[in-house]
Amino acid sequence: MKSALIILPILSGVMWGAAGVFVRTLTDYGMDSVTVVFSRVSLATLMMLGLILLADRGWLRFDRRDLWIFVACALAMLGLNAFYTYSVDVVTLSLAAVLLSLSPVFMLAMTVVIFRERVTIRKLACMVTSIIGCILVSGIADGGSSVSASGVAAGLAAAFFYALYGILSKKSASRGYSTYTTLFYCLLISTLVLLPFSDLGTFAGFAAEGAYEAGYLVLQAAVASFLPYILYTTAMARMEGGTASILAAAGEPTAAAVFGAMIFAETPTPLMLLGMLLAIGSMAAMCMPSQNDSATS
């Protein structure tokens, strides 16, 4: 049973790592980044609604006074999706995924400012190591390669909004809301916000190309949004949250590197592989509870 649970967060990370493949296919067709995100979250909203109607319709209820939480979560989710979509379109998939995996760094900074948590030497060392790892993954250290500054900035912004979404979703959970409730309203609000800014003609045109293209949009929503959230949520509920986040964080950049090499010929150099190991390892060390934390809890 435990071995089966371990697979869930790894699969969620692999699916998030595959998001870049869908992004590049749709942007090559002519979709802008806003429309790509809209195509993903709108269909994921319908999938989440179907799941809730089948499982527990009570998950649709919420107190109007808590609407601001869902709006804030949705804005954070929009920032995550929009910046990550742009990042994977202009830098390598592995670099974009590694940058996104830096979200614990931003989470640490937020908890220090908001909750006045203490920063340990171990966490600072992990932060420095992860930054060094990202520099190696970018390929700059190999010489002769250039990297898009805007792509890196977008990847870091995606990590920031990912961390912000984590804090806001915890706020929602503290109010007694199911994770599925938070996810559904985040997706729904994101869809409504993106609707006026999306190129619906291009979106409909791609879907009208044929059954393959329509199925591709559904597959994107399922693989890059709906299923990974469900798998990750299930893992978080049945195993230690730190372990689940570490497994997901390790699976995402690894999968992105594999997809980038297989589909887009983005073959990593030895230094890039070393950087990926440093970034993933430092994030895992940062997420692991210390002995003092375990004693306190």
C-alpha atoms as a PDB file:
ATOM      1  CA  MET A   1       0.000   0.000   0.000  1.00  0.00           C
ATOM      2  CA  LYS A   2       2.784   2.423   0.888  1.00  0.00           C
ATOM      3  CA  SER A   3       4.611   1.725  -2.380  1.00  0.00           C
ATOM      4  CA  ALA A   4       1.421   2.516  -4.298  1.00  0.00           C
ATOM      5  CA  LEU A   5       1.036   5.826  -2.460  1.00  0.00           C
ATOM      6  CA  ILE A   6       4.615   6.806  -3.301  1.00  0.00           C
ATOM      7  CA  ILE A   7       3.775   6.569  -7.004  1.00  0.00           C
ATOM      8  CA  LEU A   8       1.020   9.194  -6.742  1.00  0.00           C
ATOM      9  CA  PRO A   9       3.134  12.337  -6.082  1.00  0.00           C
ATOM     10  CA  ILE A  10       5.786  11.125  -8.531  1.00  0.00           C
ATOM     11  CA  LEU A  11       3.121  10.804 -11.229  1.00  0.00           C
ATOM     12  CA  SER A  12       1.802  14.266 -10.411  1.00  0.00           C
ATOM     13  CA  GLY A  13       5.308  15.705 -10.830  1.00  0.00           C
ATOM     14  CA  VAL A  14       5.781  13.845 -14.125  1.00  0.00           C
ATOM     15  CA  MET A  15       2.476  15.233 -15.423  1.00  0.00           C
ATOM     16  CA  TRP A  16       3.368  18.796 -14.438  1.00  0.00           C
ATOM     17  CA  GLY A  17       6.715  18.276 -16.142  1.00  0.00           C
ATOM     18  CA  ALA A  18       4.886  17.284 -19.340  1.00  0.00           C
ATOM     19  CA  ALA A  19       2.951  20.576 -19.443  1.00  0.00           C
ATOM     20  CA  GLY A  20       5.641  22.197 -21.574  1.00  0.00           C
ATOM     21  CA  VAL A  21       5.055  19.724 -24.402  1.00  0.00           C
ATOM     22  CA  PHE A  22       1.423  20.843 -24.708  1.00  0.00           C
ATOM     23  CA  VAL A  23       2.365  24.512 -24.425  1.00  0.00           C
ATOM     24  CA  ARG A  24       4.820  24.364 -27.313  1.00  0.00           C
ATOM     25  CA  THR A  25       2.429  22.446 -29.556  1.00  0.00           C
ATOM     26  CA  LEU A  26      -0.375  24.941 -28.997  1.00  0.00           C
ATOM     27  CA  THR A  27       1.846  28.019 -29.342  1.00  0.00           C
ATOM     28  CA  ASP A  28       3.236  26.619 -32.596  1.00  0.00           C
ATOM     29  CA  TYR A  29      -0.358  26.421 -33.807  1.00  0.00           C
ATOM     30  CA  GLY A  30      -0.788  30.128 -33.078  1.00  0.00           C
ATOM     31  CA  MET A  31      -2.264  30.288 -29.578  1.00  0.00           C
ATOM     32  CA  ASP A  32      -0.956  33.024 -27.314  1.00  0.00           C
ATOM     33  CA  SER A  33      -0.006  32.178 -23.733  1.00  0.00           C
ATOM     34  CA  VAL A  34      -3.299  33.502 -22.299  1.00  0.00           C
ATOM     35  CA  THR A  35      -5.351  31.295 -24.618  1.00  0.00           C
ATOM     36  CA  VAL A  36      -3.185  28.275 -23.825  1.00  0.00           C
ATOM     37  CA  VAL A  37      -3.828  28.728 -20.107  1.00  0.00           C
ATOM     38  CA  PHE A  38      -7.538  29.311 -20.774  1.00  0.00           C
ATOM     39  CA  SER A  39      -7.773  26.097 -22.804  1.00  0.00           C
ATOM     40  CA  ARG A  40      -6.275  24.230 -19.867  1.00  0.00           C
ATOM     41  CA  VAL A  41      -8.165  25.694 -16.909  1.00  0.00           C
ATOM     42  CA  SER A  42     -11.578  25.907 -18.600  1.00  0.00           C
ATOM     43  CA  LEU A  43     -11.661  22.201 -19.425  1.00  0.00           C
ATOM     44  CA  ALA A  44     -10.134  21.323 -16.041  1.00  0.00           C
ATOM     45  CA  THR A  45     -12.974  23.269 -14.402  1.00  0.00           C
ATOM     46  CA  LEU A  46     -15.535  21.068 -16.136  1.00  0.00           C
ATOM     47  CA  MET A  47     -13.623  17.955 -15.078  1.00  0.00           C
ATOM     48  CA  MET A  48     -13.462  19.117 -11.462  1.00  0.00           C
ATOM     49  CA  LEU A  49     -17.164  19.968 -11.485  1.00  0.00           C
ATOM     50  CA  GLY A  50     -17.993  16.506 -12.789  1.00  0.00           C
ATOM     51  CA  LEU A  51     -15.899  14.900 -10.049  1.00  0.00           C
ATOM     52  CA  ILE A  52     -17.603  16.961  -7.333  1.00  0.00           C
ATOM     53  CA  LEU A  53     -21.092  16.172  -8.643  1.00  0.00           C
ATOM     54  CA  LEU A  54     -20.260  12.483  -8.578  1.00  0.00           C
ATOM     55  CA  ALA A  55     -18.424  12.433  -5.242  1.00  0.00           C
ATOM     56  CA  ASP A  56     -19.900  15.036  -2.892  1.00  0.00           C
ATOM     57  CA  ARG A  57     -21.996  18.027  -3.947  1.00  0.00           C
ATOM     58  CA  GLY A  58     -21.451  19.523  -0.510  1.00  0.00           C
ATOM     59  CA  TRP A  59     -17.987  20.556  -1.715  1.00  0.00           C
ATOM     60  CA  LEU A  60     -19.687  23.292  -3.752  1.00  0.00           C
ATOM     61  CA  ARG A  61     -20.869  25.146  -0.632  1.00  0.00           C
ATOM     62  CA  PHE A  62     -18.892  28.025   0.870  1.00  0.00           C
ATOM     63  CA  ASP A  63     -19.423  31.069   3.058  1.00  0.00           C
ATOM     64  CA  ARG A  64     -19.648  34.305   1.062  1.00  0.00           C
ATOM     65  CA  ARG A  65     -17.333  35.953   3.554  1.00  0.00           C
ATOM     66  CA  ASP A  66     -14.606  33.576   2.416  1.00  0.00           C
ATOM     67  CA  LEU A  67     -14.953  34.435  -1.268  1.00  0.00           C
ATOM     68  CA  TRP A  68     -11.812  36.561  -1.093  1.00  0.00           C
ATOM     69  CA  ILE A  69      -9.759  33.466  -0.289  1.00  0.00           C
ATOM     70  CA  PHE A  70     -10.850  31.720  -3.496  1.00  0.00           C
ATOM     71  CA  VAL A  71     -10.295  34.904  -5.525  1.00  0.00           C
ATOM     72  CA  ALA A  72      -6.786  35.286  -4.110  1.00  0.00           C
ATOM     73  CA  CYS A  73      -6.028  31.600  -4.734  1.00  0.00           C
ATOM     74  CA  ALA A  74      -7.298  31.951  -8.303  1.00  0.00           C
ATOM     75  CA  LEU A  75      -5.074  34.973  -8.949  1.00  0.00           C
ATOM     76  CA  ALA A  76      -2.093  33.041  -7.603  1.00  0.00           C
ATOM     77  CA  MET A  77      -2.988  30.073  -9.807  1.00  0.00           C
ATOM     78  CA  LEU A  78      -3.294  32.418 -12.803  1.00  0.00           C
ATOM     79  CA  GLY A  79       0.135  33.866 -12.109  1.00  0.00           C
ATOM     80  CA  LEU A  80       1.612  30.377 -11.806  1.00  0.00           C
ATOM     81  CA  ASN A  81       0.084  29.134 -15.058  1.00  0.00           C
ATOM     82  CA  ALA A  82       0.709  32.281 -17.092  1.00  0.00           C
ATOM     83  CA  PHE A  83       4.364  32.739 -16.138  1.00  0.00           C
ATOM     84  CA  TYR A  84       5.187  29.025 -16.347  1.00  0.00           C
ATOM     85  CA  THR A  85       3.546  28.808 -19.777  1.00  0.00           C
ATOM     86  CA  TYR A  86       5.701  31.682 -21.020  1.00  0.00           C
ATOM     87  CA  SER A  87       8.826  30.257 -19.413  1.00  0.00           C
ATOM     88  CA  VAL A  88       8.584  26.809 -21.044  1.00  0.00           C
ATOM     89  CA  ASP A  89       8.063  28.514 -24.403  1.00  0.00           C
ATOM     90  CA  VAL A  90      11.351  30.465 -24.338  1.00  0.00           C
ATOM     91  CA  VAL A  91      13.755  28.363 -22.222  1.00  0.00           C
ATOM     92  CA  THR A  92      14.413  24.627 -21.987  1.00  0.00           C
ATOM     93  CA  LEU A  93      11.761  22.505 -20.316  1.00  0.00           C
ATOM     94  CA  SER A  94      14.228  21.319 -17.669  1.00  0.00           C
ATOM     95  CA  LEU A  95      15.262  24.874 -16.728  1.00  0.00           C
ATOM     96  CA  ALA A  96      11.647  26.046 -16.494  1.00  0.00           C
ATOM     97  CA  ALA A  97      10.778  23.077 -14.275  1.00  0.00           C
ATOM     98  CA  VAL A  98      13.812  23.572 -12.030  1.00  0.00           C
ATOM     99  CA  LEU A  99      12.964  27.266 -11.631  1.00  0.00           C
ATOM    100  CA  LEU A 100       9.424  26.304 -10.653  1.00  0.00           C
ATOM    101  CA  SER A 101      10.798  23.847  -8.098  1.00  0.00           C
ATOM    102  CA  LEU A 102      12.343  26.841  -6.290  1.00  0.00           C
ATOM    103  CA  SER A 103       8.906  27.622  -4.838  1.00  0.00           C
ATOM    104  CA  PRO A 104      10.026  26.435  -1.346  1.00  0.00           C
ATOM    105  CA  VAL A 105      12.569  29.297  -1.360  1.00  0.00           C
ATOM    106  CA  PHE A 106       9.765  31.823  -1.819  1.00  0.00           C
ATOM    107  CA  MET A 107       7.625  29.902   0.654  1.00  0.00           C
ATOM    108  CA  LEU A 108      10.421  30.211   3.214  1.00  0.00           C
ATOM    109  CA  ALA A 109      10.724  33.959   2.624  1.00  0.00           C
ATOM    110  CA  MET A 110       6.958  34.420   2.998  1.00  0.00           C
ATOM    111  CA  THR A 111       6.777  32.436   6.200  1.00  0.00           C
ATOM    112  CA  VAL A 112       9.615  34.513   7.649  1.00  0.00           C
ATOM    113  CA  VAL A 113       7.835  37.778   6.818  1.00  0.00           C
ATOM    114  CA  ILE A 114       4.256  36.700   7.556  1.00  0.00           C
ATOM    115  CA  PHE A 115       4.637  34.117  10.317  1.00  0.00           C
ATOM    116  CA  ARG A 116       8.003  35.238  11.727  1.00  0.00           C
ATOM    117  CA  GLU A 117       9.440  31.746  11.365  1.00  0.00           C
ATOM    118  CA  ARG A 118      13.126  31.233  12.140  1.00  0.00           C
ATOM    119  CA  VAL A 119      15.552  30.695   9.261  1.00  0.00           C
ATOM    120  CA  THR A 120      18.076  27.956   9.986  1.00  0.00           C
ATOM    121  CA  ILE A 121      21.574  27.604   8.564  1.00  0.00           C
ATOM    122  CA  ARG A 122      20.448  24.412   6.826  1.00  0.00           C
ATOM    123  CA  LYS A 123      17.684  26.242   4.962  1.00  0.00           C
ATOM    124  CA  LEU A 124      20.018  29.058   3.939  1.00  0.00           C
ATOM    125  CA  ALA A 125      22.543  26.506   2.653  1.00  0.00           C
ATOM    126  CA  CYS A 126      19.795  24.778   0.694  1.00  0.00           C
ATOM    127  CA  MET A 127      18.731  28.081  -0.858  1.00  0.00           C
ATOM    128  CA  VAL A 128      22.272  28.872  -2.004  1.00  0.00           C
ATOM    129  CA  THR A 129      22.768  25.344  -3.362  1.00  0.00           C
ATOM    130  CA  SER A 130      19.498  25.454  -5.285  1.00  0.00           C
ATOM    131  CA  ILE A 131      20.463  28.770  -6.895  1.00  0.00           C
ATOM    132  CA  ILE A 132      23.813  27.308  -7.940  1.00  0.00           C
ATOM    133  CA  GLY A 133      21.962  24.314  -9.371  1.00  0.00           C
ATOM    134  CA  CYS A 134      19.685  26.592 -11.432  1.00  0.00           C
ATOM    135  CA  ILE A 135      22.712  28.434 -12.828  1.00  0.00           C
ATOM    136  CA  LEU A 136      24.194  25.115 -13.954  1.00  0.00           C
ATOM    137  CA  VAL A 137      20.898  23.928 -15.470  1.00  0.00           C
ATOM    138  CA  SER A 138      20.632  27.163 -17.470  1.00  0.00           C
ATOM    139  CA  GLY A 139      23.748  26.136 -19.408  1.00  0.00           C
ATOM    140  CA  ILE A 140      25.615  29.402 -18.851  1.00  0.00           C
ATOM    141  CA  ALA A 141      28.454  27.590 -17.082  1.00  0.00           C
ATOM    142  CA  ASP A 142      29.084  25.469 -20.199  1.00  0.00           C
ATOM    143  CA  GLY A 143      30.022  28.579 -22.176  1.00  0.00           C
ATOM    144  CA  GLY A 144      28.765  29.702 -25.538  1.00  0.00           C
ATOM    145  CA  SER A 145      25.106  29.344 -24.615  1.00  0.00           C
ATOM    146  CA  SER A 146      22.614  32.094 -24.011  1.00  0.00           C
ATOM    147  CA  VAL A 147      19.484  31.997 -21.952  1.00  0.00           C
ATOM    148  CA  SER A 148      16.435  34.214 -22.124  1.00  0.00           C
ATOM    149  CA  ALA A 149      16.402  36.626 -19.182  1.00  0.00           C
ATOM    150  CA  SER A 150      12.649  37.070 -19.540  1.00  0.00           C
ATOM    151  CA  GLY A 151      12.198  33.289 -19.516  1.00  0.00           C
ATOM    152  CA  VAL A 152      14.178  32.957 -16.296  1.00  0.00           C
ATOM    153  CA  ALA A 153      12.300  35.857 -14.730  1.00  0.00           C
ATOM    154  CA  ALA A 154       8.997  34.239 -15.733  1.00  0.00           C
ATOM    155  CA  GLY A 155      10.090  30.928 -14.214  1.00  0.00           C
ATOM    156  CA  LEU A 156      10.975  32.638 -10.944  1.00  0.00           C
ATOM    157  CA  ALA A 157       7.638  34.493 -10.982  1.00  0.00           C
ATOM    158  CA  ALA A 158       5.852  31.163 -11.495  1.00  0.00           C
ATOM    159  CA  ALA A 159       7.687  29.759  -8.449  1.00  0.00           C
ATOM    160  CA  PHE A 160       6.634  32.801  -6.411  1.00  0.00           C
ATOM    161  CA  PHE A 161       2.965  32.393  -7.329  1.00  0.00           C
ATOM    162  CA  TYR A 162       3.208  28.640  -6.699  1.00  0.00           C
ATOM    163  CA  ALA A 163       4.394  29.370  -3.153  1.00  0.00           C
ATOM    164  CA  LEU A 164       1.704  32.023  -2.720  1.00  0.00           C
ATOM    165  CA  TYR A 165      -0.949  29.558  -3.858  1.00  0.00           C
ATOM    166  CA  GLY A 166       0.306  27.072  -1.268  1.00  0.00           C
ATOM    167  CA  ILE A 167      -0.048  29.604   1.548  1.00  0.00           C
ATOM    168  CA  LEU A 168      -3.515  30.701   0.399  1.00  0.00           C
ATOM    169  CA  SER A 169      -4.740  27.126  -0.036  1.00  0.00           C
ATOM    170  CA  LYS A 170      -3.620  26.398   3.529  1.00  0.00           C
ATOM    171  CA  LYS A 171      -5.697  29.387   4.618  1.00  0.00           C
ATOM    172  CA  SER A 172      -8.673  27.858   2.832  1.00  0.00           C
ATOM    173  CA  ALA A 173      -8.062  24.493   4.501  1.00  0.00           C
ATOM    174  CA  SER A 174      -7.919  26.192   7.898  1.00  0.00           C
ATOM    175  CA  ARG A 175     -11.464  27.431   7.246  1.00  0.00           C
ATOM    176  CA  GLY A 176     -12.599  23.824   6.828  1.00  0.00           C
ATOM    177  CA  TYR A 177     -12.865  23.709   3.036  1.00  0.00           C
ATOM    178  CA  SER A 178     -12.024  20.596   1.070  1.00  0.00           C
ATOM    179  CA  THR A 179      -9.081  20.803  -1.300  1.00  0.00           C
ATOM    180  CA  TYR A 180     -11.511  19.995  -4.107  1.00  0.00           C
ATOM    181  CA  THR A 181     -13.624  23.008  -3.160  1.00  0.00           C
ATOM    182  CA  THR A 182     -10.598  25.282  -3.333  1.00  0.00           C
ATOM    183  CA  LEU A 183      -9.399  23.809  -6.622  1.00  0.00           C
ATOM    184  CA  PHE A 184     -12.815  24.048  -8.279  1.00  0.00           C
ATOM    185  CA  TYR A 185     -13.404  27.691  -7.434  1.00  0.00           C
ATOM    186  CA  CYS A 186      -9.807  28.600  -8.283  1.00  0.00           C
ATOM    187  CA  LEU A 187     -10.212  27.018 -11.710  1.00  0.00           C
ATOM    188  CA  LEU A 188     -13.664  28.555 -12.213  1.00  0.00           C
ATOM    189  CA  ILE A 189     -12.563  32.078 -11.285  1.00  0.00           C
ATOM    190  CA  SER A 190      -9.418  31.703 -13.411  1.00  0.00           C
ATOM    191  CA  THR A 191     -11.566  30.713 -16.388  1.00  0.00           C
ATOM    192  CA  LEU A 192     -13.863  33.713 -15.953  1.00  0.00           C
ATOM    193  CA  VAL A 193     -10.917  36.113 -15.615  1.00  0.00           C
ATOM    194  CA  LEU A 194      -9.169  34.765 -18.721  1.00  0.00           C
ATOM    195  CA  LEU A 195     -12.290  34.567 -20.883  1.00  0.00           C
ATOM    196  CA  PRO A 196     -12.317  38.214 -22.109  1.00  0.00           C
ATOM    197  CA  PHE A 197      -8.582  38.134 -22.917  1.00  0.00           C
ATOM    198  CA  SER A 198      -8.486  34.773 -24.724  1.00  0.00           C
ATOM    199  CA  ASP A 199      -8.533  34.231 -28.465  1.00  0.00           C
ATOM    200  CA  LEU A 200     -11.618  32.053 -28.561  1.00  0.00           C
ATOM    201  CA  GLY A 201     -11.457  31.859 -32.354  1.00  0.00           C
ATOM    202  CA  THR A 202      -8.046  30.207 -32.287  1.00  0.00           C
ATOM    203  CA  PHE A 203      -9.118  27.956 -29.435  1.00  0.00           C
ATOM    204  CA  ALA A 204     -12.271  26.868 -31.278  1.00  0.00           C
ATOM    205  CA  GLY A 205     -10.353  26.565 -34.539  1.00  0.00           C
ATOM    206  CA  PHE A 206      -7.862  24.149 -33.040  1.00  0.00           C
ATOM    207  CA  ALA A 207     -10.660  22.072 -31.499  1.00  0.00           C
ATOM    208  CA  ALA A 208     -12.521  22.037 -34.833  1.00  0.00           C
ATOM    209  CA  GLU A 209      -9.505  20.663 -36.712  1.00  0.00           C
ATOM    210  CA  GLY A 210     -10.631  17.158 -35.838  1.00  0.00           C
ATOM    211  CA  ALA A 211     -11.115  14.585 -33.111  1.00  0.00           C
ATOM    212  CA  TYR A 212      -7.360  14.368 -32.514  1.00  0.00           C
ATOM    213  CA  GLU A 213      -7.016  18.108 -31.848  1.00  0.00           C
ATOM    214  CA  ALA A 214     -10.103  18.209 -29.623  1.00  0.00           C
ATOM    215  CA  GLY A 215      -8.801  15.210 -27.712  1.00  0.00           C
ATOM    216  CA  TYR A 216      -5.415  16.917 -27.422  1.00  0.00           C
ATOM    217  CA  LEU A 217      -7.011  19.860 -25.591  1.00  0.00           C
ATOM    218  CA  VAL A 218      -8.817  17.494 -23.231  1.00  0.00           C
ATOM    219  CA  LEU A 219      -5.599  15.545 -22.668  1.00  0.00           C
ATOM    220  CA  GLN A 220      -3.732  18.773 -21.880  1.00  0.00           C
ATOM    221  CA  ALA A 221      -6.318  19.786 -19.266  1.00  0.00           C
ATOM    222  CA  ALA A 222      -6.258  16.311 -17.726  1.00  0.00           C
ATOM    223  CA  VAL A 223      -2.475  15.805 -17.706  1.00  0.00           C
ATOM    224  CA  ALA A 224      -1.314  19.357 -16.920  1.00  0.00           C
ATOM    225  CA  SER A 225      -4.012  20.395 -14.452  1.00  0.00           C
ATOM    226  CA  PHE A 226      -6.808  18.058 -13.371  1.00  0.00           C
ATOM    227  CA  LEU A 227      -5.075  14.710 -12.741  1.00  0.00           C
ATOM    228  CA  PRO A 228      -1.849  15.960 -11.086  1.00  0.00           C
ATOM    229  CA  TYR A 229      -3.849  18.029  -8.602  1.00  0.00           C
ATOM    230  CA  ILE A 230      -6.025  15.012  -7.772  1.00  0.00           C
ATOM    231  CA  LEU A 231      -3.044  12.652  -7.389  1.00  0.00           C
ATOM    232  CA  TYR A 232      -1.081  15.144  -5.310  1.00  0.00           C
ATOM    233  CA  THR A 233      -4.084  15.878  -3.096  1.00  0.00           C
ATOM    234  CA  THR A 234      -4.643  12.163  -2.472  1.00  0.00           C
ATOM    235  CA  ALA A 235      -0.973  11.685  -1.576  1.00  0.00           C
ATOM    236  CA  MET A 236      -0.985  14.682   0.766  1.00  0.00           C
ATOM    237  CA  ALA A 237      -4.019  13.274   2.579  1.00  0.00           C
ATOM    238  CA  ARG A 238      -2.542   9.792   3.105  1.00  0.00           C
ATOM    239  CA  MET A 239       1.187  10.346   3.605  1.00  0.00           C
ATOM    240  CA  GLU A 240       3.489  12.974   5.089  1.00  0.00           C
ATOM    241  CA  GLY A 241       3.133  16.250   3.237  1.00  0.00           C
ATOM    242  CA  GLY A 242       6.882  16.820   3.170  1.00  0.00           C
ATOM    243  CA  THR A 243       7.495  13.440   1.548  1.00  0.00           C
ATOM    244  CA  ALA A 244       4.788  14.050  -1.056  1.00  0.00           C
ATOM    245  CA  SER A 245       6.156  17.481  -1.982  1.00  0.00           C
ATOM    246  CA  ILE A 246       9.720  16.125  -2.267  1.00  0.00           C
ATOM    247  CA  LEU A 247       8.647  13.294  -4.583  1.00  0.00           C
ATOM    248  CA  ALA A 248       6.599  15.649  -6.756  1.00  0.00           C
ATOM    249  CA  ALA A 249       9.405  18.226  -6.902  1.00  0.00           C
ATOM    250  CA  ALA A 250      11.876  15.546  -7.957  1.00  0.00           C
ATOM    251  CA  GLY A 251       9.581  14.089 -10.605  1.00  0.00           C
ATOM    252  CA  GLU A 252       8.772  17.379 -12.345  1.00  0.00           C
ATOM    253  CA  PRO A 253      12.196  18.622 -13.541  1.00  0.00           C
ATOM    254  CA  THR A 254      13.345  15.074 -14.237  1.00  0.00           C
ATOM    255  CA  ALA A 255      10.326  14.433 -16.471  1.00  0.00           C
ATOM    256  CA  ALA A 256      10.720  17.830 -18.143  1.00  0.00           C
ATOM    257  CA  ALA A 257      14.349  17.023 -18.961  1.00  0.00           C
ATOM    258  CA  VAL A 258      13.374  13.660 -20.448  1.00  0.00           C
ATOM    259  CA  PHE A 259      10.548  15.147 -22.539  1.00  0.00           C
ATOM    260  CA  GLY A 260      12.798  17.993 -23.667  1.00  0.00           C
ATOM    261  CA  ALA A 261      15.504  15.558 -24.793  1.00  0.00           C
ATOM    262  CA  MET A 262      13.127  13.124 -26.512  1.00  0.00           C
ATOM    263  CA  ILE A 263      10.828  15.596 -28.277  1.00  0.00           C
ATOM    264  CA  PHE A 264      12.758  18.859 -28.644  1.00  0.00           C
ATOM    265  CA  ALA A 265      16.373  17.565 -28.729  1.00  0.00           C
ATOM    266  CA  GLU A 266      17.239  19.517 -25.561  1.00  0.00           C
ATOM    267  CA  THR A 267      20.078  17.229 -24.513  1.00  0.00           C
ATOM    268  CA  PRO A 268      21.463  18.264 -21.114  1.00  0.00           C
ATOM    269  CA  THR A 269      25.217  18.487 -20.574  1.00  0.00           C
ATOM    270  CA  PRO A 270      26.932  16.857 -17.572  1.00  0.00           C
ATOM    271  CA  LEU A 271      26.992  20.236 -15.793  1.00  0.00           C
ATOM    272  CA  MET A 272      23.259  20.679 -16.416  1.00  0.00           C
ATOM    273  CA  LEU A 273      22.582  17.238 -14.961  1.00  0.00           C
ATOM    274  CA  LEU A 274      24.725  18.115 -11.950  1.00  0.00           C
ATOM    275  CA  GLY A 275      22.779  21.350 -11.515  1.00  0.00           C
ATOM    276  CA  MET A 276      19.490  19.458 -11.648  1.00  0.00           C
ATOM    277  CA  LEU A 277      20.696  17.065  -8.948  1.00  0.00           C
ATOM    278  CA  LEU A 278      21.850  19.984  -6.778  1.00  0.00           C
ATOM    279  CA  ALA A 279      18.547  21.832  -7.176  1.00  0.00           C
ATOM    280  CA  ILE A 280      16.369  18.783  -6.521  1.00  0.00           C
ATOM    281  CA  GLY A 281      18.530  17.596  -3.621  1.00  0.00           C
ATOM    282  CA  SER A 282      18.595  21.004  -1.951  1.00  0.00           C
ATOM    283  CA  MET A 283      14.812  21.375  -2.264  1.00  0.00           C
ATOM    284  CA  ALA A 284      14.369  17.900  -0.760  1.00  0.00           C
ATOM    285  CA  ALA A 285      16.684  18.796   2.134  1.00  0.00           C
ATOM    286  CA  MET A 286      14.810  22.050   2.693  1.00  0.00           C
ATOM    287  CA  CYS A 287      11.410  20.314   2.805  1.00  0.00           C
ATOM    288  CA  MET A 288      12.551  17.600   5.224  1.00  0.00           C
ATOM    289  CA  PRO A 289      11.694  18.372   8.835  1.00  0.00           C
ATOM    290  CA  SER A 290      14.615  18.833  11.186  1.00  0.00           C
ATOM    291  CA  GLN A 291      14.940  16.955  14.476  1.00  0.00           C
ATOM    292  CA  ASN A 292      13.939  20.100  16.344  1.00  0.00           C
ATOM    293  CA  ASP A 293      10.801  20.445  14.226  1.00  0.00           C
ATOM    294  CA  SER A 294       9.898  16.806  14.825  1.00  0.00           C
ATOM    295  CA  ALA A 295      10.405  17.162  18.557  1.00  0.00           C
ATOM    296  CA  THR A 296       8.255  20.299  18.625  1.00  0.00           C
ATOM    297  CA  SER A 297       5.451  18.685  16.645  1.00  0.00           C
END
